[in-house]
Amino acid sequence: LLLDLDCFYAQVEAIRLGLDCAVLPIALLQWSSALAVNYPARSMGIKRGDDFSTIMTKSERQCIAFHLPVIPIDKAAAEGEGSSSSGNVQGPSSVSLDDDYDKVFKLSQKERNDIFQKERNWMRRPHEGKASLERYRLASTKIFSVVREVRLLHI
């Protein structure tokens, strides 16, 4: 079984924030360059590796840029990669995958709006900490659990 999830990180952010990634141009940045660019952003000429300034220029400031979550260096050393000061990325709680997923992705509209306003077009620098992929690991784990369930039903 092969799953190719194109512009996966950008799609995860769109789902988390309740954005329409089929229409809204979204780029996900890691430090100063685009890591994931969805199709609407690609249609504006934005490509993986473009820096924030180039993204804003190419899109005439219409592309929404998000940055990978960052764990502050001092907290990263003390707590490991599975937590973040942004309040939205946490390691597995060991309650259940669905509970962990819901904590990050099943947000109220107000929570989504607040996060969107706080995180959009905000640049981060490497000295702030290390990038955390925990939110994306959680999303991919959820995807694979659904695929596994469907597969077991049809075997």
N, C-alpha and C. Protein backbone atom coordinates (compact mmCIF):
# COMPACT_ATOMS: atom_id res chain seq x y z
N LEU A 1 0.85 -1.18 0.00
CA LEU A 1 0.00 0.00 0.00
C LEU A 1 0.89 1.24 0.00
N LEU A 2 0.70 2.12 -0.94
CA LEU A 2 1.46 3.36 -1.02
C LEU A 2 0.50 4.54 -0.93
N LEU A 3 0.76 5.42 0.01
CA LEU A 3 -0.02 6.65 0.14
C LEU A 3 0.92 7.82 -0.10
N ASP A 4 0.62 8.63 -1.10
CA ASP A 4 1.40 9.83 -1.37
C ASP A 4 0.54 11.02 -0.98
N LEU A 5 0.86 11.60 0.15
CA LEU A 5 0.07 12.71 0.67
C LEU A 5 0.77 14.01 0.28
N ASP A 6 0.40 14.53 -0.86
CA ASP A 6 1.05 15.72 -1.41
C ASP A 6 0.79 16.92 -0.52
N CYS A 7 1.81 17.73 -0.35
CA CYS A 7 1.78 18.93 0.50
C CYS A 7 1.13 18.64 1.86
N PHE A 8 1.53 17.51 2.43
CA PHE A 8 0.92 16.98 3.64
C PHE A 8 0.90 17.97 4.80
N TYR A 9 2.03 18.59 5.10
CA TYR A 9 2.08 19.51 6.24
C TYR A 9 1.12 20.68 6.04
N ALA A 10 1.03 21.19 4.83
CA ALA A 10 0.10 22.30 4.55
C ALA A 10 -1.35 21.83 4.73
N GLN A 11 -1.64 20.61 4.31
CA GLN A 11 -2.99 20.08 4.47
C GLN A 11 -3.34 19.88 5.95
N VAL A 12 -2.37 19.42 6.74
CA VAL A 12 -2.60 19.23 8.17
C VAL A 12 -2.95 20.56 8.82
N GLU A 13 -2.22 21.62 8.49
CA GLU A 13 -2.51 22.94 9.06
C GLU A 13 -3.90 23.42 8.64
N ALA A 14 -4.27 23.17 7.38
CA ALA A 14 -5.60 23.58 6.91
C ALA A 14 -6.69 22.86 7.69
N ILE A 15 -6.51 21.56 7.92
CA ILE A 15 -7.51 20.80 8.68
C ILE A 15 -7.56 21.28 10.12
N ARG A 16 -6.40 21.48 10.72
CA ARG A 16 -6.34 21.92 12.12
C ARG A 16 -7.05 23.25 12.32
N LEU A 17 -6.92 24.15 11.34
CA LEU A 17 -7.48 25.50 11.47
C LEU A 17 -8.81 25.68 10.74
N GLY A 18 -9.32 24.62 10.13
CA GLY A 18 -10.61 24.70 9.45
C GLY A 18 -10.57 25.55 8.20
N LEU A 19 -9.44 25.53 7.48
CA LEU A 19 -9.29 26.32 6.26
C LEU A 19 -9.53 25.44 5.04
N ASP A 20 -9.98 26.04 3.97
CA ASP A 20 -10.23 25.29 2.74
C ASP A 20 -8.94 25.27 1.91
N CYS A 21 -8.19 24.18 2.01
CA CYS A 21 -6.89 24.11 1.31
C CYS A 21 -7.04 23.91 -0.19
N ALA A 22 -8.25 23.69 -0.67
CA ALA A 22 -8.46 23.59 -2.11
C ALA A 22 -8.56 24.98 -2.73
N VAL A 23 -8.81 26.00 -1.91
CA VAL A 23 -8.99 27.36 -2.41
C VAL A 23 -7.91 28.32 -1.88
N LEU A 24 -7.65 28.25 -0.58
CA LEU A 24 -6.69 29.17 0.05
C LEU A 24 -5.25 28.76 -0.23
N PRO A 25 -4.42 29.68 -0.69
CA PRO A 25 -3.00 29.35 -0.86
C PRO A 25 -2.30 29.30 0.50
N ILE A 26 -1.65 28.16 0.77
CA ILE A 26 -1.00 27.95 2.06
C ILE A 26 0.42 27.43 1.83
N ALA A 27 1.36 28.01 2.57
CA ALA A 27 2.74 27.52 2.58
C ALA A 27 3.15 27.28 4.02
N LEU A 28 3.77 26.15 4.26
CA LEU A 28 4.29 25.86 5.59
C LEU A 28 5.79 26.03 5.55
N LEU A 29 6.31 26.85 6.45
CA LEU A 29 7.73 27.19 6.46
C LEU A 29 8.48 26.46 7.57
N GLN A 30 9.72 26.14 7.28
CA GLN A 30 10.64 25.73 8.31
C GLN A 30 11.79 26.70 8.25
N TRP A 31 11.94 27.49 9.29
CA TRP A 31 12.87 28.59 9.38
C TRP A 31 12.61 29.59 8.26
N SER A 32 13.44 29.66 7.24
CA SER A 32 13.23 30.73 6.27
C SER A 32 12.75 30.23 4.91
N SER A 33 12.40 28.96 4.79
CA SER A 33 11.97 28.49 3.47
C SER A 33 10.75 27.59 3.55
N ALA A 34 10.03 27.54 2.43
CA ALA A 34 8.81 26.76 2.35
C ALA A 34 9.13 25.27 2.35
N LEU A 35 8.47 24.55 3.22
CA LEU A 35 8.62 23.11 3.33
C LEU A 35 7.49 22.41 2.58
N ALA A 36 6.29 22.96 2.65
CA ALA A 36 5.12 22.39 1.96
C ALA A 36 4.31 23.54 1.37
N VAL A 37 3.89 23.36 0.12
CA VAL A 37 3.14 24.38 -0.61
C VAL A 37 1.93 23.70 -1.24
N ASN A 38 0.72 24.18 -0.95
CA ASN A 38 -0.45 23.52 -1.52
C ASN A 38 -0.68 23.98 -2.97
N TYR A 39 -1.64 23.36 -3.64
CA TYR A 39 -1.85 23.63 -5.07
C TYR A 39 -2.26 25.07 -5.37
N PRO A 40 -3.16 25.69 -4.61
CA PRO A 40 -3.46 27.10 -4.90
C PRO A 40 -2.23 28.00 -4.80
N ALA A 41 -1.33 27.73 -3.86
CA ALA A 41 -0.10 28.51 -3.74
C ALA A 41 0.83 28.21 -4.91
N ARG A 42 0.89 26.95 -5.32
CA ARG A 42 1.72 26.59 -6.47
C ARG A 42 1.25 27.30 -7.74
N SER A 43 -0.06 27.48 -7.86
CA SER A 43 -0.58 28.17 -9.05
C SER A 43 -0.16 29.64 -9.10
N MET A 44 0.31 30.17 -7.97
CA MET A 44 0.82 31.54 -7.92
C MET A 44 2.33 31.58 -8.18
N GLY A 45 2.91 30.43 -8.46
CA GLY A 45 4.35 30.36 -8.74
C GLY A 45 5.20 30.07 -7.51
N ILE A 46 4.56 29.84 -6.37
CA ILE A 46 5.31 29.55 -5.14
C ILE A 46 5.73 28.09 -5.18
N LYS A 47 6.97 27.86 -4.78
CA LYS A 47 7.47 26.49 -4.77
C LYS A 47 8.23 26.19 -3.48
N ARG A 48 8.42 24.92 -3.23
CA ARG A 48 9.16 24.48 -2.05
C ARG A 48 10.55 25.12 -2.09
N GLY A 49 10.98 25.66 -0.97
CA GLY A 49 12.28 26.30 -0.89
C GLY A 49 12.22 27.82 -0.99
N ASP A 50 11.11 28.36 -1.49
CA ASP A 50 10.97 29.82 -1.54
C ASP A 50 11.01 30.39 -0.13
N ASP A 51 11.62 31.56 0.02
CA ASP A 51 11.64 32.18 1.34
C ASP A 51 10.36 33.00 1.54
N PHE A 52 10.16 33.45 2.78
CA PHE A 52 8.93 34.17 3.13
C PHE A 52 8.71 35.39 2.24
N SER A 53 9.75 36.17 2.03
CA SER A 53 9.63 37.38 1.21
C SER A 53 9.21 37.04 -0.22
N THR A 54 9.80 35.99 -0.78
CA THR A 54 9.46 35.56 -2.14
C THR A 54 8.01 35.09 -2.20
N ILE A 55 7.58 34.35 -1.18
CA ILE A 55 6.20 33.87 -1.12
C ILE A 55 5.23 35.05 -1.12
N MET A 56 5.50 36.05 -0.29
CA MET A 56 4.63 37.21 -0.20
C MET A 56 4.63 38.00 -1.53
N THR A 57 5.78 38.11 -2.16
CA THR A 57 5.87 38.84 -3.43
C THR A 57 5.12 38.10 -4.53
N LYS A 58 5.40 36.81 -4.68
CA LYS A 58 4.75 36.02 -5.74
C LYS A 58 3.24 35.99 -5.59
N SER A 59 2.77 35.96 -4.36
CA SER A 59 1.32 35.85 -4.12
C SER A 59 0.64 37.19 -3.91
N GLU A 60 1.40 38.27 -4.04
CA GLU A 60 0.88 39.61 -3.74
C GLU A 60 0.24 39.62 -2.36
N ARG A 61 0.92 38.98 -1.40
CA ARG A 61 0.54 38.88 0.01
C ARG A 61 -0.77 38.11 0.23
N GLN A 62 -1.16 37.28 -0.74
CA GLN A 62 -2.40 36.51 -0.60
C GLN A 62 -2.18 35.13 0.00
N CYS A 63 -0.95 34.62 -0.07
CA CYS A 63 -0.64 33.30 0.47
C CYS A 63 -0.54 33.40 1.99
N ILE A 64 -1.08 32.40 2.66
CA ILE A 64 -1.00 32.33 4.11
C ILE A 64 0.19 31.44 4.45
N ALA A 65 1.11 31.96 5.20
CA ALA A 65 2.30 31.20 5.59
C ALA A 65 2.22 30.84 7.06
N PHE A 66 2.47 29.57 7.36
CA PHE A 66 2.55 29.09 8.72
C PHE A 66 3.94 28.53 8.93
N HIS A 67 4.38 28.52 10.16
CA HIS A 67 5.68 27.97 10.48
C HIS A 67 5.50 26.69 11.27
N LEU A 68 6.39 25.73 11.04
CA LEU A 68 6.38 24.53 11.87
C LEU A 68 6.37 24.94 13.33
N PRO A 69 5.67 24.20 14.17
CA PRO A 69 5.71 24.52 15.60
C PRO A 69 7.15 24.45 16.11
N VAL A 70 7.46 25.29 17.06
CA VAL A 70 8.81 25.34 17.61
C VAL A 70 8.78 25.08 19.10
N ILE A 71 9.69 24.24 19.55
CA ILE A 71 9.86 24.00 20.98
C ILE A 71 11.03 24.87 21.42
N PRO A 72 10.82 25.78 22.36
CA PRO A 72 11.95 26.61 22.82
C PRO A 72 13.11 25.74 23.29
N ILE A 73 14.31 26.19 23.02
CA ILE A 73 15.50 25.39 23.30
C ILE A 73 15.57 24.95 24.74
N ASP A 74 15.31 25.83 25.69
CA ASP A 74 15.40 25.45 27.10
C ASP A 74 14.35 24.41 27.46
N LYS A 75 13.12 24.53 26.94
CA LYS A 75 12.07 23.55 27.21
C LYS A 75 12.35 22.25 26.47
N ALA A 76 12.90 22.35 25.25
CA ALA A 76 13.19 21.15 24.47
C ALA A 76 14.16 20.25 25.21
N ALA A 77 15.16 20.84 25.82
CA ALA A 77 16.15 20.05 26.55
C ALA A 77 15.51 19.41 27.78
N ALA A 78 14.64 20.15 28.44
CA ALA A 78 14.03 19.66 29.67
C ALA A 78 12.91 18.65 29.42
N GLU A 79 12.14 18.85 28.34
CA GLU A 79 10.94 18.04 28.15
C GLU A 79 10.98 17.12 26.95
N GLY A 80 11.91 17.25 26.06
CA GLY A 80 11.92 16.43 24.85
C GLY A 80 11.06 17.05 23.79
N GLU A 81 11.04 16.45 22.59
CA GLU A 81 10.36 17.05 21.44
C GLU A 81 8.85 17.04 21.55
N GLY A 82 8.25 16.24 22.37
CA GLY A 82 6.82 16.05 22.35
C GLY A 82 6.00 17.12 23.01
N SER A 83 6.53 18.30 23.23
CA SER A 83 5.72 19.36 23.82
C SER A 83 6.11 20.70 23.25
N SER A 84 5.27 21.69 23.45
CA SER A 84 5.53 22.99 22.86
C SER A 84 4.92 24.09 23.69
N SER A 85 5.56 25.24 23.68
CA SER A 85 5.01 26.37 24.41
C SER A 85 3.86 27.02 23.66
N SER A 86 3.61 26.60 22.42
CA SER A 86 2.50 27.19 21.67
C SER A 86 1.16 26.70 22.19
N GLY A 87 1.17 25.70 23.06
CA GLY A 87 -0.06 25.25 23.68
C GLY A 87 -0.87 24.33 22.81
N ASN A 88 -0.42 24.00 21.60
CA ASN A 88 -1.25 23.20 20.74
C ASN A 88 -0.59 21.91 20.29
N VAL A 89 0.66 21.72 20.58
CA VAL A 89 1.34 20.50 20.16
C VAL A 89 1.84 19.80 21.39
N GLN A 90 1.37 18.60 21.60
CA GLN A 90 1.81 17.85 22.76
C GLN A 90 2.04 16.42 22.35
N GLY A 91 2.87 15.75 23.10
CA GLY A 91 3.13 14.35 22.83
C GLY A 91 1.90 13.53 23.17
N PRO A 92 1.93 12.27 22.77
CA PRO A 92 0.80 11.40 23.06
C PRO A 92 0.51 11.35 24.56
N SER A 93 -0.75 11.37 24.91
CA SER A 93 -1.13 11.35 26.32
C SER A 93 -1.32 9.92 26.80
N SER A 94 -1.28 8.97 25.90
CA SER A 94 -1.50 7.55 26.16
C SER A 94 -2.95 7.25 26.54
N VAL A 95 -3.85 8.23 26.43
CA VAL A 95 -5.27 7.96 26.64
C VAL A 95 -5.77 7.18 25.43
N SER A 96 -5.72 7.77 24.26
CA SER A 96 -6.05 7.10 23.02
C SER A 96 -5.65 8.00 21.86
N LEU A 97 -5.45 7.39 20.72
CA LEU A 97 -5.11 8.16 19.52
C LEU A 97 -6.22 9.16 19.23
N ASP A 98 -7.47 8.73 19.33
CA ASP A 98 -8.58 9.64 19.03
C ASP A 98 -8.59 10.84 19.98
N ASP A 99 -8.33 10.61 21.26
CA ASP A 99 -8.29 11.72 22.22
C ASP A 99 -7.15 12.69 21.90
N ASP A 100 -5.96 12.13 21.61
CA ASP A 100 -4.82 12.98 21.27
C ASP A 100 -5.11 13.77 19.99
N TYR A 101 -5.69 13.10 19.00
CA TYR A 101 -6.02 13.76 17.74
C TYR A 101 -7.03 14.88 17.96
N ASP A 102 -8.07 14.59 18.72
CA ASP A 102 -9.12 15.58 18.96
C ASP A 102 -8.58 16.82 19.68
N LYS A 103 -7.61 16.64 20.60
CA LYS A 103 -7.03 17.78 21.31
C LYS A 103 -6.37 18.77 20.36
N VAL A 104 -5.79 18.27 19.29
CA VAL A 104 -5.06 19.12 18.36
C VAL A 104 -5.92 19.57 17.19
N PHE A 105 -6.80 18.69 16.71
CA PHE A 105 -7.52 18.97 15.46
C PHE A 105 -9.00 19.27 15.60
N LYS A 106 -9.62 18.93 16.70
CA LYS A 106 -11.05 19.20 16.89
C LYS A 106 -11.21 20.42 17.78
N LEU A 107 -10.90 21.57 17.22
CA LEU A 107 -10.93 22.82 17.98
C LEU A 107 -12.22 23.57 17.70
N SER A 108 -12.64 24.37 18.65
CA SER A 108 -13.80 25.23 18.41
C SER A 108 -13.42 26.29 17.38
N GLN A 109 -14.41 26.89 16.79
CA GLN A 109 -14.13 27.93 15.79
C GLN A 109 -13.34 29.09 16.41
N LYS A 110 -13.66 29.44 17.65
CA LYS A 110 -12.93 30.51 18.33
C LYS A 110 -11.46 30.13 18.51
N GLU A 111 -11.21 28.88 18.95
CA GLU A 111 -9.82 28.43 19.11
C GLU A 111 -9.09 28.48 17.77
N ARG A 112 -9.75 28.02 16.72
CA ARG A 112 -9.13 28.04 15.38
C ARG A 112 -8.82 29.47 14.95
N ASN A 113 -9.77 30.37 15.14
CA ASN A 113 -9.55 31.77 14.76
C ASN A 113 -8.40 32.39 15.55
N ASP A 114 -8.36 32.11 16.85
CA ASP A 114 -7.28 32.66 17.68
C ASP A 114 -5.92 32.16 17.22
N ILE A 115 -5.81 30.86 16.96
CA ILE A 115 -4.55 30.28 16.50
C ILE A 115 -4.18 30.85 15.13
N PHE A 116 -5.17 30.94 14.25
CA PHE A 116 -4.92 31.47 12.90
C PHE A 116 -4.35 32.89 12.98
N GLN A 117 -4.96 33.74 13.79
CA GLN A 117 -4.49 35.12 13.92
C GLN A 117 -3.08 35.17 14.52
N LYS A 118 -2.81 34.29 15.46
CA LYS A 118 -1.51 34.27 16.13
C LYS A 118 -0.40 33.73 15.22
N GLU A 119 -0.70 32.69 14.43
CA GLU A 119 0.33 31.96 13.71
C GLU A 119 0.53 32.38 12.25
N ARG A 120 -0.45 33.02 11.64
CA ARG A 120 -0.31 33.30 10.21
C ARG A 120 0.77 34.36 9.96
N ASN A 121 1.56 34.10 8.96
CA ASN A 121 2.62 35.00 8.50
C ASN A 121 3.58 35.42 9.61
N TRP A 122 3.82 34.52 10.57
CA TRP A 122 4.74 34.76 11.66
C TRP A 122 6.01 33.98 11.39
N MET A 123 7.11 34.68 11.28
CA MET A 123 8.39 34.02 11.01
C MET A 123 9.06 33.59 12.31
N ARG A 124 9.71 32.48 12.26
CA ARG A 124 10.48 31.98 13.39
C ARG A 124 11.95 31.88 12.98
N ARG A 125 12.82 31.90 13.94
CA ARG A 125 14.26 31.81 13.70
C ARG A 125 14.83 30.60 14.45
N PRO A 126 15.89 29.99 13.92
CA PRO A 126 16.46 28.80 14.56
C PRO A 126 16.84 28.99 16.03
N HIS A 127 17.25 30.19 16.43
CA HIS A 127 17.64 30.39 17.82
C HIS A 127 16.45 30.26 18.79
N GLU A 128 15.22 30.27 18.26
CA GLU A 128 14.04 30.17 19.12
C GLU A 128 13.84 28.76 19.66
N GLY A 129 14.39 27.78 18.98
CA GLY A 129 14.22 26.40 19.43
C GLY A 129 14.30 25.45 18.27
N LYS A 130 13.83 24.23 18.49
CA LYS A 130 13.87 23.26 17.41
C LYS A 130 12.45 23.01 16.89
N ALA A 131 12.39 22.64 15.63
CA ALA A 131 11.09 22.38 15.01
C ALA A 131 10.51 21.09 15.57
N SER A 132 9.20 21.05 15.73
CA SER A 132 8.51 19.87 16.23
C SER A 132 7.60 19.32 15.15
N LEU A 133 7.73 18.04 14.90
CA LEU A 133 6.86 17.38 13.91
C LEU A 133 5.75 16.58 14.59
N GLU A 134 5.59 16.73 15.89
CA GLU A 134 4.64 15.92 16.64
C GLU A 134 3.22 16.01 16.08
N ARG A 135 2.77 17.20 15.73
CA ARG A 135 1.41 17.38 15.21
C ARG A 135 1.23 16.58 13.91
N TYR A 136 2.26 16.51 13.09
CA TYR A 136 2.17 15.82 11.80
C TYR A 136 2.29 14.31 11.98
N ARG A 137 3.06 13.89 12.98
CA ARG A 137 3.11 12.47 13.31
C ARG A 137 1.75 11.99 13.78
N LEU A 138 1.10 12.80 14.60
CA LEU A 138 -0.22 12.46 15.10
C LEU A 138 -1.21 12.35 13.94
N ALA A 139 -1.17 13.30 13.01
CA ALA A 139 -2.08 13.26 11.86
C ALA A 139 -1.82 12.03 10.99
N SER A 140 -0.56 11.71 10.73
CA SER A 140 -0.27 10.55 9.89
C SER A 140 -0.65 9.25 10.61
N THR A 141 -0.46 9.20 11.92
CA THR A 141 -0.87 8.02 12.68
C THR A 141 -2.37 7.82 12.58
N LYS A 142 -3.12 8.91 12.67
CA LYS A 142 -4.58 8.84 12.55
C LYS A 142 -4.98 8.35 11.16
N ILE A 143 -4.32 8.88 10.13
CA ILE A 143 -4.62 8.46 8.76
C ILE A 143 -4.38 6.96 8.61
N PHE A 144 -3.24 6.48 9.08
CA PHE A 144 -2.91 5.07 8.93
C PHE A 144 -3.82 4.18 9.77
N SER A 145 -4.30 4.67 10.90
CA SER A 145 -5.23 3.86 11.69
C SER A 145 -6.56 3.70 10.95
N VAL A 146 -7.01 4.75 10.27
CA VAL A 146 -8.24 4.67 9.48
C VAL A 146 -8.05 3.72 8.29
N VAL A 147 -6.91 3.83 7.61
CA VAL A 147 -6.61 2.93 6.48
C VAL A 147 -6.60 1.48 6.97
N ARG A 148 -5.97 1.23 8.11
CA ARG A 148 -5.90 -0.11 8.65
C ARG A 148 -7.29 -0.65 8.96
N GLU A 149 -8.14 0.18 9.58
CA GLU A 149 -9.51 -0.25 9.90
C GLU A 149 -10.28 -0.61 8.64
N VAL A 150 -10.18 0.22 7.63
CA VAL A 150 -10.90 -0.03 6.37
C VAL A 150 -10.37 -1.31 5.72
N ARG A 151 -9.05 -1.45 5.73
CA ARG A 151 -8.45 -2.64 5.15
C ARG A 151 -8.91 -3.91 5.85
N LEU A 152 -8.98 -3.88 7.19
CA LEU A 152 -9.42 -5.05 7.94
C LEU A 152 -10.88 -5.39 7.65
N LEU A 153 -11.69 -4.38 7.39
CA LEU A 153 -13.09 -4.62 7.06
C LEU A 153 -13.26 -5.32 5.71
N HIS A 154 -12.30 -5.11 4.82
CA HIS A 154 -12.42 -5.64 3.46
C HIS A 154 -11.54 -6.86 3.21
N ILE A 155 -10.97 -7.41 4.25
CA ILE A 155 -10.12 -8.61 4.07
C ILE A 155 -10.91 -9.84 4.43
